[in-house]
C-alpha atoms as a PDB file:
ATOM      1  CA  MET A   1      98.881-184.190  -8.206  1.00  0.00           C
ATOM      2  CA  ALA A   2      98.495-180.281  -6.611  1.00  0.00           C
ATOM      3  CA  LYS A   3      98.360-177.293  -8.794  1.00  0.00           C
ATOM      4  CA  THR A   4     100.576-174.615  -7.355  1.00  0.00           C
ATOM      5  CA  ILE A   5      98.678-171.332  -8.691  1.00  0.00           C
ATOM      6  CA  ILE A   6     100.733-167.760  -8.245  1.00  0.00           C
ATOM      7  CA  ILE A   7      98.868-164.476  -8.366  1.00  0.00           C
ATOM      8  CA  LYS A   8     101.027-161.434  -8.921  1.00  0.00           C
ATOM      9  CA  LYS A   9      98.952-157.769  -7.562  1.00  0.00           C
ATOM     10  CA  MET A  10     101.650-155.199  -9.607  1.00  0.00           C
ATOM     11  CA  ARG A  11     100.619-151.493  -9.057  1.00  0.00           C
ATOM     12  CA  LEU A  12     102.466-148.683 -11.125  1.00  0.00           C
ATOM     13  CA  PRO A  13     105.571-147.042  -9.420  1.00  0.00           C
ATOM     14  CA  ASP A  14     105.240-143.379  -8.604  1.00  0.00           C
ATOM     15  CA  VAL A  15     107.076-141.893 -11.202  1.00  0.00           C
ATOM     16  CA  LEU A  16     106.796-143.578 -14.328  1.00  0.00           C
ATOM     17  CA  PRO A  17     110.547-142.457 -17.156  1.00  0.00           C
ATOM     18  CA  HIS A  18     111.154-140.111 -19.544  1.00  0.00           C
ATOM     19  CA  GLY A  19     109.149-141.136 -22.159  1.00  0.00           C
ATOM     20  CA  TRP A  20     107.070-143.537 -21.478  1.00  0.00           C
ATOM     21  CA  LYS A  21     103.887-142.616 -23.331  1.00  0.00           C
ATOM     22  CA  LYS A  22     105.556-142.703 -26.603  1.00  0.00           C
ATOM     23  CA  GLU A  23     106.695-146.643 -26.010  1.00  0.00           C
ATOM     24  CA  VAL A  24     103.170-147.320 -24.380  1.00  0.00           C
ATOM     25  CA  ALA A  25     102.277-145.337 -28.260  1.00  0.00           C
ATOM     26  CA  GLY A  26     104.214-147.784 -30.569  1.00  0.00           C
ATOM     27  CA  ILE A  27     103.535-151.312 -28.258  1.00  0.00           C
ATOM     28  CA  LEU A  28      99.905-150.239 -28.625  1.00  0.00           C
ATOM     29  CA  GLY A  29     100.135-149.074 -32.118  1.00  0.00           C
ATOM     30  CA  ILE A  30      98.649-145.930 -31.270  1.00  0.00           C
ATOM     31  CA  HIS A  31      99.801-141.530 -31.402  1.00  0.00           C
ATOM     32  CA  ILE A  32     100.815-140.364 -28.685  1.00  0.00           C
ATOM     33  CA  ASN A  33      98.355-137.686 -28.330  1.00  0.00           C
ATOM     34  CA  THR A  34      95.458-140.477 -27.731  1.00  0.00           C
ATOM     35  CA  VAL A  35      97.682-142.028 -24.702  1.00  0.00           C
ATOM     36  CA  THR A  36      98.315-138.066 -23.719  1.00  0.00           C
ATOM     37  CA  ASN A  37      93.962-138.058 -24.281  1.00  0.00           C
ATOM     38  CA  ALA A  38      92.762-140.982 -22.562  1.00  0.00           C
ATOM     39  CA  LEU A  39      94.845-140.009 -19.920  1.00  0.00           C
ATOM     40  CA  LYS A  40      92.929-137.084 -19.262  1.00  0.00           C
ATOM     41  CA  GLY A  41      89.480-138.569 -19.118  1.00  0.00           C
ATOM     42  CA  GLY A  42      90.636-141.103 -17.151  1.00  0.00           C
ATOM     43  CA  LYS A  43      88.365-144.021 -18.661  1.00  0.00           C
ATOM     44  CA  GLY A  44      87.118-146.264 -22.002  1.00  0.00           C
ATOM     45  CA  TYR A  45      89.161-148.526 -23.417  1.00  0.00           C
ATOM     46  CA  THR A  46      92.135-147.148 -24.391  1.00  0.00           C
ATOM     47  CA  TYR A  47      92.775-145.867 -21.115  1.00  0.00           C
ATOM     48  CA  ASP A  48      92.590-149.578 -19.666  1.00  0.00           C
ATOM     49  CA  ARG A  49      94.876-150.823 -21.887  1.00  0.00           C
ATOM     50  CA  ILE A  50      97.798-148.157 -21.466  1.00  0.00           C
ATOM     51  CA  ILE A  51      97.011-148.962 -17.875  1.00  0.00           C
ATOM     52  CA  GLN A  52      97.679-152.073 -18.354  1.00  0.00           C
ATOM     53  CA  VAL A  53     100.124-152.152 -20.819  1.00  0.00           C
ATOM     54  CA  ALA A  54     102.432-150.030 -18.016  1.00  0.00           C
ATOM     55  CA  ILE A  55     101.812-152.405 -15.658  1.00  0.00           C
ATOM     56  CA  GLU A  56     103.163-154.913 -17.528  1.00  0.00           C
ATOM     57  CA  LYS A  57     106.147-153.069 -18.628  1.00  0.00           C
ATOM     58  CA  TRP A  58     106.997-151.074 -15.263  1.00  0.00           C
ATOM     59  CA  GLY A  59     104.795-151.756 -12.537  1.00  0.00           C
ATOM     60  CA  GLU A  60     105.811-153.244  -9.511  1.00  0.00           C
ATOM     61  CA  VAL A  61     104.835-156.678  -7.498  1.00  0.00           C
ATOM     62  CA  GLU A  62     103.055-155.250  -4.445  1.00  0.00           C
ATOM     63  CA  GLU A  63     101.274-158.523  -3.175  1.00  0.00           C
ATOM     64  CA  LEU A  64     102.526-162.408  -4.033  1.00  0.00           C
ATOM     65  CA  GLU A  65      99.481-165.218  -3.613  1.00  0.00           C
ATOM     66  CA  ARG A  66     100.017-168.481  -3.558  1.00  0.00           C
ATOM     67  CA  HIS A  67      96.644-170.941  -3.658  1.00  0.00           C
ATOM     68  CA  GLU A  68      97.824-174.320  -3.982  1.00  0.00           C
END
């Protein structure tokens, strides 16, 4: 029996909803200023986690691949 693997490629929407930084900060357990500073820096572990949480929560499916 073959396995079917579905790969979803997600991307952030152009505009995130009001209060998204506070919500992401609460999920990650960090201060909202840390979110702001990481976004200004644009790199690093914290930045990557912030982007990943935002994509999971508000991301839109860009491409859907099926492998059998």
